[in-house]
């Protein structure tokens, strides 16, 4: 590997760390905002139990769905990046092999079979 490739990989890793850090910060900040709004809503209702249950249910749903979505997207992104890197390494090790050209080649059409003719 050349120094330019090593520098590019290091820069890419730093960008990925920054994205992960700020993405997690955004999720934590939005979850805190939802919790604060829910607490204020409960406090302002002065014990109306049906409304409190509705507010807490909505807040729990929002927090759990946002957190789950972030973690799911992050996991899929990491998996895709890992697979792309593995494919790139395979292509560098075996240039011109079938593995490096299979993604761009088109499959051959299936042979057309004719129905059997009845014997008369």
PDB file of N, CA and C in Angstrom:
ATOM      1  N   UNK A   1       0.828  -1.174   0.000  1.00  0.00           N
ATOM      2  CA  UNK A   1       0.000   0.000   0.000  1.00  0.00           C
ATOM      3  C   UNK A   1       0.871   1.235   0.000  1.00  0.00           C
ATOM      4  N   UNK A   2       0.441   2.205  -0.768  1.00  0.00           N
ATOM      5  CA  UNK A   2       1.204   3.445  -0.813  1.00  0.00           C
ATOM      6  C   UNK A   2       0.798   4.329   0.362  1.00  0.00           C
ATOM      7  N   UNK A   3       1.588   5.361   0.573  1.00  0.00           N
ATOM      8  CA  UNK A   3       1.301   6.275   1.675  1.00  0.00           C
ATOM      9  C   UNK A   3      -0.013   7.020   1.435  1.00  0.00           C
ATOM     10  N   UNK A   4      -0.335   7.289   0.167  1.00  0.00           N
ATOM     11  CA  UNK A   4      -1.597   7.965  -0.140  1.00  0.00           C
ATOM     12  C   UNK A   4      -2.793   7.096   0.242  1.00  0.00           C
ATOM     13  N   UNK A   5      -2.707   5.801  -0.025  1.00  0.00           N
ATOM     14  CA  UNK A   5      -3.794   4.893   0.329  1.00  0.00           C
ATOM     15  C   UNK A   5      -3.946   4.783   1.842  1.00  0.00           C
ATOM     16  N   UNK A   6      -2.830   4.728   2.558  1.00  0.00           N
ATOM     17  CA  UNK A   6      -2.873   4.661   4.016  1.00  0.00           C
ATOM     18  C   UNK A   6      -3.484   5.941   4.577  1.00  0.00           C
ATOM     19  N   UNK A   7      -3.103   7.088   4.020  1.00  0.00           N
ATOM     20  CA  UNK A   7      -3.660   8.364   4.472  1.00  0.00           C
ATOM     21  C   UNK A   7      -5.157   8.443   4.181  1.00  0.00           C
ATOM     22  N   UNK A   8      -5.573   7.927   3.034  1.00  0.00           N
ATOM     23  CA  UNK A   8      -6.996   7.936   2.683  1.00  0.00           C
ATOM     24  C   UNK A   8      -7.795   7.042   3.628  1.00  0.00           C
ATOM     25  N   UNK A   9      -7.247   5.885   3.973  1.00  0.00           N
ATOM     26  CA  UNK A   9      -7.920   4.981   4.901  1.00  0.00           C
ATOM     27  C   UNK A   9      -8.020   5.615   6.287  1.00  0.00           C
ATOM     28  N   UNK A  10      -6.951   6.276   6.733  1.00  0.00           N
ATOM     29  CA  UNK A  10      -6.967   6.937   8.042  1.00  0.00           C
ATOM     30  C   UNK A  10      -7.980   8.080   8.055  1.00  0.00           C
ATOM     31  N   UNK A  11      -8.039   8.848   6.964  1.00  0.00           N
ATOM     32  CA  UNK A  11      -9.001   9.947   6.884  1.00  0.00           C
ATOM     33  C   UNK A  11     -10.424   9.415   6.861  1.00  0.00           C
ATOM     34  N   UNK A  12     -10.648   8.306   6.147  1.00  0.00           N
ATOM     35  CA  UNK A  12     -11.973   7.695   6.090  1.00  0.00           C
ATOM     36  C   UNK A  12     -12.397   7.187   7.458  1.00  0.00           C
ATOM     37  N   UNK A  13     -11.462   6.606   8.197  1.00  0.00           N
ATOM     38  CA  UNK A  13     -11.765   6.124   9.549  1.00  0.00           C
ATOM     39  C   UNK A  13     -12.108   7.282  10.476  1.00  0.00           C
ATOM     40  N   UNK A  14     -11.403   8.396  10.320  1.00  0.00           N
ATOM     41  CA  UNK A  14     -11.684   9.572  11.153  1.00  0.00           C
ATOM     42  C   UNK A  14     -13.055  10.150  10.836  1.00  0.00           C
ATOM     43  N   UNK A  15     -13.417  10.190   9.563  1.00  0.00           N
ATOM     44  CA  UNK A  15     -14.744  10.674   9.174  1.00  0.00           C
ATOM     45  C   UNK A  15     -15.824   9.763   9.747  1.00  0.00           C
ATOM     46  N   UNK A  16     -15.598   8.464   9.698  1.00  0.00           N
ATOM     47  CA  UNK A  16     -16.572   7.509  10.237  1.00  0.00           C
ATOM     48  C   UNK A  16     -16.730   7.672  11.747  1.00  0.00           C
ATOM     49  N   UNK A  17     -15.633   7.914  12.457  1.00  0.00           N
ATOM     50  CA  UNK A  17     -15.713   8.154  13.899  1.00  0.00           C
ATOM     51  C   UNK A  17     -16.500   9.419  14.197  1.00  0.00           C
ATOM     52  N   UNK A  18     -16.265  10.461  13.410  1.00  0.00           N
ATOM     53  CA  UNK A  18     -16.979  11.721  13.607  1.00  0.00           C
ATOM     54  C   UNK A  18     -18.466  11.548  13.337  1.00  0.00           C
ATOM     55  N   UNK A  19     -18.802  10.837  12.280  1.00  0.00           N
ATOM     56  CA  UNK A  19     -20.217  10.578  11.977  1.00  0.00           C
ATOM     57  C   UNK A  19     -20.881   9.801  13.109  1.00  0.00           C
ATOM     58  N   UNK A  20     -20.223   8.790  13.597  1.00  0.00           N
ATOM     59  CA  UNK A  20     -20.788   7.979  14.676  1.00  0.00           C
ATOM     60  C   UNK A  20     -20.966   8.807  15.939  1.00  0.00           C
ATOM     61  N   UNK A  21     -19.972   9.623  16.257  1.00  0.00           N
ATOM     62  CA  UNK A  21     -20.029  10.452  17.461  1.00  0.00           C
ATOM     63  C   UNK A  21     -21.186  11.447  17.392  1.00  0.00           C
ATOM     64  N   UNK A  22     -21.292  12.173  16.274  1.00  0.00           N
ATOM     65  CA  UNK A  22     -22.340  13.176  16.166  1.00  0.00           C
ATOM     66  C   UNK A  22     -23.719  12.547  15.949  1.00  0.00           C
ATOM     67  N   UNK A  23     -23.782  11.400  15.309  1.00  0.00           N
ATOM     68  CA  UNK A  23     -25.051  10.699  15.180  1.00  0.00           C
ATOM     69  C   UNK A  23     -25.571  10.257  16.535  1.00  0.00           C
ATOM     70  N   UNK A  24     -24.696   9.700  17.342  1.00  0.00           N
ATOM     71  CA  UNK A  24     -25.078   9.291  18.687  1.00  0.00           C
ATOM     72  C   UNK A  24     -25.466  10.503  19.528  1.00  0.00           C
ATOM     73  N   UNK A  25     -24.726  11.598  19.380  1.00  0.00           N
ATOM     74  CA  UNK A  25     -25.060  12.829  20.101  1.00  0.00           C
ATOM     75  C   UNK A  25     -26.446  13.330  19.701  1.00  0.00           C
ATOM     76  N   UNK A  26     -26.775  13.269  18.414  1.00  0.00           N
ATOM     77  CA  UNK A  26     -28.088  13.717  17.947  1.00  0.00           C
ATOM     78  C   UNK A  26     -29.205  12.854  18.529  1.00  0.00           C
ATOM     79  N   UNK A  27     -28.991  11.556  18.583  1.00  0.00           N
ATOM     80  CA  UNK A  27     -30.001  10.659  19.146  1.00  0.00           C
ATOM     81  C   UNK A  27     -30.174  10.916  20.642  1.00  0.00           C
ATOM     82  N   UNK A  28     -29.078  11.077  21.363  1.00  0.00           N
ATOM     83  CA  UNK A  28     -29.169  11.335  22.805  1.00  0.00           C
ATOM     84  C   UNK A  28     -29.859  12.668  23.057  1.00  0.00           C
ATOM     85  N   UNK A  29     -29.500  13.703  22.288  1.00  0.00           N
ATOM     86  CA  UNK A  29     -30.122  15.021  22.475  1.00  0.00           C
ATOM     87  C   UNK A  29     -31.616  14.979  22.169  1.00  0.00           C
ATOM     88  N   UNK A  30     -32.009  14.292  21.105  1.00  0.00           N
ATOM     89  CA  UNK A  30     -33.429  14.225  20.785  1.00  0.00           C
ATOM     90  C   UNK A  30     -34.189  13.398  21.821  1.00  0.00           C
ATOM     91  N   UNK A  31     -33.585  12.338  22.328  1.00  0.00           N
ATOM     92  CA  UNK A  31     -34.234  11.545  23.381  1.00  0.00           C
ATOM     93  C   UNK A  31     -34.405  12.363  24.657  1.00  0.00           C
ATOM     94  N   UNK A  32     -33.405  13.164  24.996  1.00  0.00           N
ATOM     95  CA  UNK A  32     -33.528  14.037  26.173  1.00  0.00           C
ATOM     96  C   UNK A  32     -34.629  15.069  25.960  1.00  0.00           C
ATOM     97  N   UNK A  33     -34.704  15.620  24.750  1.00  0.00           N
ATOM     98  CA  UNK A  33     -35.760  16.597  24.455  1.00  0.00           C
ATOM     99  C   UNK A  33     -37.141  15.960  24.581  1.00  0.00           C
ATOM    100  N   UNK A  34     -37.305  14.747  24.095  1.00  0.00           N
ATOM    101  CA  UNK A  34     -38.588  14.051  24.205  1.00  0.00           C
ATOM    102  C   UNK A  34     -38.934  13.802  25.671  1.00  0.00           C
ATOM    103  N   UNK A  35     -37.956  13.392  26.464  1.00  0.00           N
ATOM    104  CA  UNK A  35     -38.197  13.128  27.885  1.00  0.00           C
ATOM    105  C   UNK A  35     -38.575  14.428  28.605  1.00  0.00           C
ATOM    106  N   UNK A  36     -37.895  15.519  28.302  1.00  0.00           N
ATOM    107  CA  UNK A  36     -38.207  16.809  28.936  1.00  0.00           C
ATOM    108  C   UNK A  36     -39.623  17.242  28.583  1.00  0.00           C
ATOM    109  N   UNK A  37     -40.002  17.135  27.314  1.00  0.00           N
ATOM    110  CA  UNK A  37     -41.355  17.508  26.905  1.00  0.00           C
ATOM    111  C   UNK A  37     -42.386  16.614  27.594  1.00  0.00           C
ATOM    112  N   UNK A  38     -42.100  15.333  27.722  1.00  0.00           N
ATOM    113  CA  UNK A  38     -43.025  14.425  28.405  1.00  0.00           C
ATOM    114  C   UNK A  38     -43.157  14.795  29.879  1.00  0.00           C
ATOM    115  N   UNK A  39     -42.059  15.108  30.534  1.00  0.00           N
ATOM    116  CA  UNK A  39     -42.106  15.494  31.950  1.00  0.00           C
ATOM    117  C   UNK A  39     -42.903  16.778  32.137  1.00  0.00           C
ATOM    118  N   UNK A  40     -42.658  17.758  31.270  1.00  0.00           N
ATOM    119  CA  UNK A  40     -43.411  19.009  31.353  1.00  0.00           C
ATOM    120  C   UNK A  40     -44.894  18.755  31.088  1.00  0.00           C
ATOM    121  N   UNK A  41     -45.200  17.910  30.131  1.00  0.00           N
ATOM    122  CA  UNK A  41     -46.597  17.589  29.855  1.00  0.00           C
ATOM    123  C   UNK A  41     -47.274  16.917  31.020  1.00  0.00           C
ATOM    124  N   UNK A  42     -46.594  15.985  31.655  1.00  0.00           N
ATOM    125  CA  UNK A  42     -47.160  15.297  32.821  1.00  0.00           C
ATOM    126  C   UNK A  42     -47.324  16.275  33.977  1.00  0.00           C
ATOM    127  N   UNK A  43     -46.356  17.126  34.179  1.00  0.00           N
ATOM    128  CA  UNK A  43     -46.392  18.099  35.266  1.00  0.00           C
ATOM    129  C   UNK A  43     -47.544  19.081  35.083  1.00  0.00           C
ATOM    130  N   UNK A  44     -47.786  19.507  33.850  1.00  0.00           N
ATOM    131  CA  UNK A  44     -48.849  20.479  33.577  1.00  0.00           C
ATOM    132  C   UNK A  44     -50.248  19.875  33.684  1.00  0.00           C
ATOM    133  N   UNK A  45     -50.392  18.573  33.580  1.00  0.00           N
ATOM    134  CA  UNK A  45     -51.712  17.946  33.627  1.00  0.00           C
ATOM    135  C   UNK A  45     -52.209  17.715  35.052  1.00  0.00           C
ATOM    136  N   UNK A  46     -51.387  17.824  36.028  1.00  0.00           N
ATOM    137  CA  UNK A  46     -51.756  17.717  37.439  1.00  0.00           C
ATOM    138  C   UNK A  46     -52.509  16.433  37.771  1.00  0.00           C
ATOM    139  N   UNK A  47     -52.070  15.311  37.221  1.00  0.00           N
ATOM    140  CA  UNK A  47     -52.609  14.038  37.649  1.00  0.00           C
ATOM    141  C   UNK A  47     -53.740  13.453  36.834  1.00  0.00           C
ATOM    142  N   UNK A  48     -54.064  14.004  35.665  1.00  0.00           N
ATOM    143  CA  UNK A  48     -55.084  13.379  34.805  1.00  0.00           C
ATOM    144  C   UNK A  48     -54.470  12.098  34.255  1.00  0.00           C
ATOM    145  N   UNK A  49     -54.833  10.973  34.867  1.00  0.00           N
ATOM    146  CA  UNK A  49     -54.133   9.714  34.613  1.00  0.00           C
ATOM    147  C   UNK A  49     -54.236   9.244  33.166  1.00  0.00           C
ATOM    148  N   UNK A  50     -55.363   9.422  32.529  1.00  0.00           N
ATOM    149  CA  UNK A  50     -55.484   8.951  31.143  1.00  0.00           C
ATOM    150  C   UNK A  50     -54.580   9.749  30.208  1.00  0.00           C
ATOM    151  N   UNK A  51     -54.454  11.043  30.453  1.00  0.00           N
ATOM    152  CA  UNK A  51     -53.568  11.860  29.620  1.00  0.00           C
ATOM    153  C   UNK A  51     -52.095  11.558  29.915  1.00  0.00           C
ATOM    154  N   UNK A  52     -51.784  11.303  31.172  1.00  0.00           N
ATOM    155  CA  UNK A  52     -50.407  10.984  31.554  1.00  0.00           C
ATOM    156  C   UNK A  52     -49.973   9.685  30.882  1.00  0.00           C
ATOM    157  N   UNK A  53     -50.852   8.698  30.893  1.00  0.00           N
ATOM    158  CA  UNK A  53     -50.533   7.424  30.253  1.00  0.00           C
ATOM    159  C   UNK A  53     -50.307   7.631  28.757  1.00  0.00           C
ATOM    160  N   UNK A  54     -51.129   8.445  28.128  1.00  0.00           N
ATOM    161  CA  UNK A  54     -50.957   8.726  26.697  1.00  0.00           C
ATOM    162  C   UNK A  54     -49.643   9.424  26.395  1.00  0.00           C
ATOM    163  N   UNK A  55     -49.286  10.403  27.206  1.00  0.00           N
ATOM    164  CA  UNK A  55     -48.027  11.135  26.998  1.00  0.00           C
ATOM    165  C   UNK A  55     -46.832  10.219  27.211  1.00  0.00           C
ATOM    166  N   UNK A  56     -46.854   9.446  28.275  1.00  0.00           N
ATOM    167  CA  UNK A  56     -45.722   8.550  28.553  1.00  0.00           C
ATOM    168  C   UNK A  56     -45.592   7.452  27.497  1.00  0.00           C
ATOM    169  N   UNK A  57     -46.719   6.953  27.013  1.00  0.00           N
ATOM    170  CA  UNK A  57     -46.677   5.937  25.954  1.00  0.00           C
ATOM    171  C   UNK A  57     -46.086   6.514  24.681  1.00  0.00           C
ATOM    172  N   UNK A  58     -46.520   7.714  24.310  1.00  0.00           N
ATOM    173  CA  UNK A  58     -45.988   8.352  23.099  1.00  0.00           C
ATOM    174  C   UNK A  58     -44.499   8.655  23.245  1.00  0.00           C
ATOM    175  N   UNK A  59     -44.097   9.125  24.427  1.00  0.00           N
ATOM    176  CA  UNK A  59     -42.678   9.436  24.643  1.00  0.00           C
ATOM    177  C   UNK A  59     -41.829   8.174  24.583  1.00  0.00           C
ATOM    178  N   UNK A  60     -42.281   7.094  25.216  1.00  0.00           N
ATOM    179  CA  UNK A  60     -41.543   5.843  25.186  1.00  0.00           C
ATOM    180  C   UNK A  60     -41.431   5.316  23.758  1.00  0.00           C
ATOM    181  N   UNK A  61     -42.530   5.408  23.004  1.00  0.00           N
ATOM    182  CA  UNK A  61     -42.516   4.943  21.621  1.00  0.00           C
ATOM    183  C   UNK A  61     -41.532   5.751  20.779  1.00  0.00           C
ATOM    184  N   UNK A  62     -41.545   7.069  20.950  1.00  0.00           N
ATOM    185  CA  UNK A  62     -40.640   7.924  20.167  1.00  0.00           C
ATOM    186  C   UNK A  62     -39.177   7.640  20.499  1.00  0.00           C
ATOM    187  N   UNK A  63     -38.866   7.537  21.776  1.00  0.00           N
ATOM    188  CA  UNK A  63     -37.476   7.287  22.187  1.00  0.00           C
ATOM    189  C   UNK A  63     -37.002   5.927  21.698  1.00  0.00           C
ATOM    190  N   UNK A  64     -37.818   4.900  21.893  1.00  0.00           N
ATOM    191  CA  UNK A  64     -37.382   3.560  21.498  1.00  0.00           C
ATOM    192  C   UNK A  64     -37.285   3.418  19.985  1.00  0.00           C
ATOM    193  N   UNK A  65     -38.214   4.002  19.243  1.00  0.00           N
ATOM    194  CA  UNK A  65     -38.143   3.854  17.786  1.00  0.00           C
ATOM    195  C   UNK A  65     -36.974   4.638  17.186  1.00  0.00           C
ATOM    196  N   UNK A  66     -36.699   5.824  17.705  1.00  0.00           N
ATOM    197  CA  UNK A  66     -35.557   6.591  17.184  1.00  0.00           C
ATOM    198  C   UNK A  66     -34.235   5.907  17.502  1.00  0.00           C
ATOM    199  N   UNK A  67     -34.106   5.404  18.717  1.00  0.00           N
ATOM    200  CA  UNK A  67     -32.867   4.730  19.104  1.00  0.00           C
ATOM    201  C   UNK A  67     -32.681   3.442  18.316  1.00  0.00           C
ATOM    202  N   UNK A  68     -33.734   2.679  18.160  1.00  0.00           N
ATOM    203  CA  UNK A  68     -33.649   1.432  17.398  1.00  0.00           C
ATOM    204  C   UNK A  68     -33.331   1.698  15.939  1.00  0.00           C
ATOM    205  N   UNK A  69     -33.948   2.716  15.365  1.00  0.00           N
ATOM    206  CA  UNK A  69     -33.669   3.053  13.964  1.00  0.00           C
ATOM    207  C   UNK A  69     -32.212   3.457  13.780  1.00  0.00           C
ATOM    208  N   UNK A  70     -31.694   4.284  14.676  1.00  0.00           N
ATOM    209  CA  UNK A  70     -30.292   4.707  14.565  1.00  0.00           C
ATOM    210  C   UNK A  70     -29.354   3.511  14.664  1.00  0.00           C
ATOM    211  N   UNK A  71     -29.575   2.667  15.662  1.00  0.00           N
ATOM    212  CA  UNK A  71     -28.686   1.517  15.844  1.00  0.00           C
ATOM    213  C   UNK A  71     -28.797   0.533  14.684  1.00  0.00           C
ATOM    214  N   UNK A  72     -29.996   0.342  14.157  1.00  0.00           N
ATOM    215  CA  UNK A  72     -30.172  -0.553  13.015  1.00  0.00           C
ATOM    216  C   UNK A  72     -29.487  -0.033  11.768  1.00  0.00           C
ATOM    217  N   UNK A  73     -29.668   1.254  11.488  1.00  0.00           N
ATOM    218  CA  UNK A  73     -29.021   1.847  10.314  1.00  0.00           C
ATOM    219  C   UNK A  73     -27.509   1.817  10.475  1.00  0.00           C
ATOM    220  N   UNK A  74     -27.017   2.086  11.675  1.00  0.00           N
ATOM    221  CA  UNK A  74     -25.572   2.068  11.912  1.00  0.00           C
ATOM    222  C   UNK A  74     -25.008   0.657  11.725  1.00  0.00           C
ATOM    223  N   UNK A  75     -25.725  -0.343  12.200  1.00  0.00           N
ATOM    224  CA  UNK A  75     -25.257  -1.726  12.057  1.00  0.00           C
ATOM    225  C   UNK A  75     -25.224  -2.139  10.590  1.00  0.00           C
ATOM    226  N   UNK A  76     -26.254  -1.782   9.847  1.00  0.00           N
ATOM    227  CA  UNK A  76     -26.290  -2.119   8.420  1.00  0.00           C
ATOM    228  C   UNK A  76     -25.190  -1.378   7.666  1.00  0.00           C
ATOM    229  N   UNK A  77     -24.970  -0.130   8.016  1.00  0.00           N
ATOM    230  CA  UNK A  77     -23.914   0.651   7.373  1.00  0.00           C
ATOM    231  C   UNK A  77     -22.542   0.038   7.638  1.00  0.00           C
ATOM    232  N   UNK A  78     -22.303  -0.365   8.870  1.00  0.00           N
ATOM    233  CA  UNK A  78     -21.014  -0.996   9.203  1.00  0.00           C
ATOM    234  C   UNK A  78     -20.837  -2.316   8.474  1.00  0.00           C
ATOM    235  N   UNK A  79     -21.903  -3.103   8.368  1.00  0.00           N
ATOM    236  CA  UNK A  79     -21.835  -4.383   7.665  1.00  0.00           C
ATOM    237  C   UNK A  79     -21.552  -4.171   6.180  1.00  0.00           C
ATOM    238  N   UNK A  80     -22.245  -3.219   5.572  1.00  0.00           N
ATOM    239  CA  UNK A  80     -22.030  -2.944   4.149  1.00  0.00           C
ATOM    240  C   UNK A  80     -20.607  -2.456   3.886  1.00  0.00           C
ATOM    241  N   UNK A  81     -20.106  -1.607   4.770  1.00  0.00           N
ATOM    242  CA  UNK A  81     -18.743  -1.100   4.598  1.00  0.00           C
ATOM    243  C   UNK A  81     -17.729  -2.237   4.740  1.00  0.00           C
ATOM    244  N   UNK A  82     -17.957  -3.121   5.691  1.00  0.00           N
ATOM    245  CA  UNK A  82     -17.059  -4.253   5.891  1.00  0.00           C
ATOM    246  C   UNK A  82     -17.060  -5.176   4.678  1.00  0.00           C
ATOM    247  N   UNK A  83     -18.243  -5.458   4.144  1.00  0.00           N
ATOM    248  CA  UNK A  83     -18.325  -6.318   2.964  1.00  0.00           C
ATOM    249  C   UNK A  83     -17.668  -5.670   1.746  1.00  0.00           C
ATOM    250  N   UNK A  84     -17.833  -4.364   1.595  1.00  0.00           N
ATOM    251  CA  UNK A  84     -17.204  -3.665   0.477  1.00  0.00           C
ATOM    252  C   UNK A  84     -15.682  -3.710   0.594  1.00  0.00           C
ATOM    253  N   UNK A  85     -15.175  -3.560   1.803  1.00  0.00           N
ATOM    254  CA  UNK A  85     -13.727  -3.635   2.002  1.00  0.00           C
ATOM    255  C   UNK A  85     -13.204  -5.040   1.724  1.00  0.00           C
ATOM    256  N   UNK A  86     -13.947  -6.061   2.139  1.00  0.00           N
ATOM    257  CA  UNK A  86     -13.527  -7.430   1.876  1.00  0.00           C
ATOM    258  C   UNK A  86     -13.518  -7.720   0.385  1.00  0.00           C
ATOM    259  N   UNK A  87     -14.538  -7.244  -0.325  1.00  0.00           N
ATOM    260  CA  UNK A  87     -14.594  -7.436  -1.764  1.00  0.00           C
ATOM    261  C   UNK A  87     -13.435  -6.725  -2.454  1.00  0.00           C
ATOM    262  N   UNK A  88     -13.132  -5.529  -1.981  1.00  0.00           N
ATOM    263  CA  UNK A  88     -12.021  -4.781  -2.560  1.00  0.00           C
ATOM    264  C   UNK A  88     -10.696  -5.511  -2.324  1.00  0.00           C
ATOM    265  N   UNK A  89     -10.522  -6.087  -1.146  1.00  0.00           N
ATOM    266  CA  UNK A  89      -9.298  -6.833  -0.861  1.00  0.00           C
ATOM    267  C   UNK A  89      -9.199  -8.073  -1.733  1.00  0.00           C
ATOM    268  N   UNK A  90     -10.313  -8.772  -1.949  1.00  0.00           N
ATOM    269  CA  UNK A  90     -10.316  -9.953  -2.808  1.00  0.00           C
ATOM    270  C   UNK A  90      -9.965  -9.557  -4.234  1.00  0.00           C
ATOM    271  N   UNK A  91     -10.508  -8.454  -4.700  1.00  0.00           N
ATOM    272  CA  UNK A  91     -10.231  -8.010  -6.063  1.00  0.00           C
ATOM    273  C   UNK A  91      -8.780  -7.603  -6.233  1.00  0.00           C
ATOM    274  N   UNK A  92      -8.176  -7.036  -5.180  1.00  0.00           N
ATOM    275  CA  UNK A  92      -6.770  -6.653  -5.272  1.00  0.00           C
ATOM    276  C   UNK A  92      -5.870  -7.876  -5.267  1.00  0.00           C
ATOM    277  N   UNK A  93      -6.252  -8.920  -4.539  1.00  0.00           N
ATOM    278  CA  UNK A  93      -5.442 -10.130  -4.462  1.00  0.00           C
ATOM    279  C   UNK A  93      -5.544 -10.929  -5.751  1.00  0.00           C
ATOM    280  N   UNK A  94      -6.755 -10.999  -6.333  1.00  0.00           N
ATOM    281  CA  UNK A  94      -6.997 -11.801  -7.526  1.00  0.00           C
ATOM    282  C   UNK A  94      -7.508 -10.917  -8.662  1.00  0.00           C
ATOM    283  N   UNK A  95      -6.662 -10.083  -9.262  1.00  0.00           N
ATOM    284  CA  UNK A  95      -7.153  -9.247 -10.354  1.00  0.00           C
ATOM    285  C   UNK A  95      -7.493 -10.105 -11.574  1.00  0.00           C
ATOM    286  N   UNK A  96      -8.616  -9.778 -12.201  1.00  0.00           N
ATOM    287  CA  UNK A  96      -9.029 -10.491 -13.399  1.00  0.00           C
ATOM    288  C   UNK A  96      -9.714 -11.814 -13.126  1.00  0.00           C
ATOM    289  N   UNK A  97      -9.924 -12.152 -11.864  1.00  0.00           N
ATOM    290  CA  UNK A  97     -10.593 -13.418 -11.569  1.00  0.00           C
ATOM    291  C   UNK A  97     -12.087 -13.261 -11.739  1.00  0.00           C
ATOM    292  N   UNK A  98     -12.808 -14.363 -11.672  1.00  0.00           N
ATOM    293  CA  UNK A  98     -14.256 -14.326 -11.820  1.00  0.00           C
ATOM    294  C   UNK A  98     -14.907 -13.533 -10.708  1.00  0.00           C
ATOM    295  N   UNK A  99     -14.322 -13.549  -9.499  1.00  0.00           N
ATOM    296  CA  UNK A  99     -14.913 -12.833  -8.371  1.00  0.00           C
ATOM    297  C   UNK A  99     -14.945 -11.336  -8.625  1.00  0.00           C
ATOM    298  N   UNK A 100     -13.946 -10.802  -9.329  1.00  0.00           N
ATOM    299  CA  UNK A 100     -13.906  -9.369  -9.556  1.00  0.00           C
ATOM    300  C   UNK A 100     -14.780  -8.942 -10.720  1.00  0.00           C
ATOM    301  N   UNK A 101     -15.154  -9.849 -11.606  1.00  0.00           N
ATOM    302  CA  UNK A 101     -15.971  -9.460 -12.747  1.00  0.00           C
ATOM    303  C   UNK A 101     -17.403  -9.936 -12.641  1.00  0.00           C
ATOM    304  N   UNK A 102     -17.733 -10.756 -11.648  1.00  0.00           N
ATOM    305  CA  UNK A 102     -19.080 -11.313 -11.567  1.00  0.00           C
ATOM    306  C   UNK A 102     -20.122 -10.252 -11.266  1.00  0.00           C
ATOM    307  N   UNK A 103     -19.762  -9.188 -10.604  1.00  0.00           N
ATOM    308  CA  UNK A 103     -20.739  -8.166 -10.256  1.00  0.00           C
ATOM    309  C   UNK A 103     -21.166  -7.363 -11.482  1.00  0.00           C
ATOM    310  N   UNK A 104     -20.313  -7.289 -12.506  1.00  0.00           N
ATOM    311  CA  UNK A 104     -20.642  -6.471 -13.667  1.00  0.00           C
ATOM    312  C   UNK A 104     -21.072  -7.291 -14.871  1.00  0.00           C
ATOM    313  N   UNK A 105     -20.841  -8.583 -14.870  1.00  0.00           N
ATOM    314  CA  UNK A 105     -21.203  -9.374 -16.031  1.00  0.00           C
ATOM    315  C   UNK A 105     -22.684  -9.706 -15.999  1.00  0.00           C
ATOM    316  N   UNK A 106     -23.254  -9.894 -17.187  1.00  0.00           N
ATOM    317  CA  UNK A 106     -24.665 -10.241 -17.278  1.00  0.00           C
ATOM    318  C   UNK A 106     -24.785 -11.736 -17.495  1.00  0.00           C
ATOM    319  N   UNK A 107     -25.786 -12.345 -16.901  1.00  0.00           N
ATOM    320  CA  UNK A 107     -25.939 -13.790 -17.057  1.00  0.00           C
ATOM    321  C   UNK A 107     -26.410 -14.136 -18.459  1.00  0.00           C
ATOM    322  N   UNK A 108     -26.054 -15.314 -18.894  1.00  0.00           N
ATOM    323  CA  UNK A 108     -26.486 -15.790 -20.212  1.00  0.00           C
ATOM    324  C   UNK A 108     -27.958 -16.154 -20.146  1.00  0.00           C
ATOM    325  N   UNK A 109     -28.693 -15.946 -21.233  1.00  0.00           N
ATOM    326  CA  UNK A 109     -30.109 -16.299 -21.199  1.00  0.00           C
ATOM    327  C   UNK A 109     -30.289 -17.819 -21.106  1.00  0.00           C
ATOM    328  N   UNK A 110     -31.374 -18.200 -20.490  1.00  0.00           N
ATOM    329  CA  UNK A 110     -31.670 -19.619 -20.329  1.00  0.00           C
ATOM    330  C   UNK A 110     -32.058 -20.209 -21.680  1.00  0.00           C
ATOM    331  N   UNK A 111     -31.686 -21.453 -21.937  1.00  0.00           N
ATOM    332  CA  UNK A 111     -32.055 -22.063 -23.216  1.00  0.00           C
ATOM    333  C   UNK A 111     -33.573 -22.247 -23.296  1.00  0.00           C
ATOM    334  N   UNK A 112     -34.085 -22.081 -24.503  1.00  0.00           N
ATOM    335  CA  UNK A 112     -35.519 -22.210 -24.715  1.00  0.00           C
ATOM    336  C   UNK A 112     -35.803 -23.672 -25.066  1.00  0.00           C
ATOM    337  N   UNK A 113     -36.702 -24.258 -24.320  1.00  0.00           N
ATOM    338  CA  UNK A 113     -37.042 -25.645 -24.601  1.00  0.00           C
ATOM    339  C   UNK A 113     -38.367 -25.672 -25.361  1.00  0.00           C
ATOM    340  N   UNK A 114     -38.471 -26.587 -26.287  1.00  0.00           N
ATOM    341  CA  UNK A 114     -39.702 -26.715 -27.061  1.00  0.00           C
ATOM    342  C   UNK A 114     -40.521 -27.853 -26.484  1.00  0.00           C
ATOM    343  N   UNK A 115     -41.841 -27.731 -26.510  1.00  0.00           N
ATOM    344  CA  UNK A 115     -42.667 -28.808 -25.969  1.00  0.00           C
ATOM    345  C   UNK A 115     -42.549 -30.064 -26.835  1.00  0.00           C
ATOM    346  N   UNK A 116     -42.684 -31.181 -26.196  1.00  0.00           N
ATOM    347  CA  UNK A 116     -42.583 -32.450 -26.913  1.00  0.00           C
ATOM    348  C   UNK A 116     -43.763 -32.593 -27.892  1.00  0.00           C
ATOM    349  N   UNK A 117     -43.447 -33.072 -29.087  1.00  0.00           N
ATOM    350  CA  UNK A 117     -44.490 -33.278 -30.110  1.00  0.00           C
ATOM    351  C   UNK A 117     -45.126 -34.643 -29.881  1.00  0.00           C
ATOM    352  N   UNK A 118     -46.456 -34.690 -29.917  1.00  0.00           N
ATOM    353  CA  UNK A 118     -47.095 -35.997 -29.762  1.00  0.00           C
ATOM    354  C   UNK A 118     -46.851 -36.873 -30.977  1.00  0.00           C
ATOM    355  N   UNK A 119     -46.664 -38.147 -30.743  1.00  0.00           N
ATOM    356  CA  UNK A 119     -46.438 -39.108 -31.819  1.00  0.00           C
ATOM    357  C   UNK A 119     -47.796 -39.506 -32.358  1.00  0.00           C
ATOM    358  N   UNK A 120     -47.949 -39.412 -33.701  1.00  0.00           N
ATOM    359  CA  UNK A 120     -49.219 -39.757 -34.332  1.00  0.00           C
ATOM    360  C   UNK A 120     -49.138 -41.076 -35.023  1.00  0.00           C
TER     361      UNK A 120
END
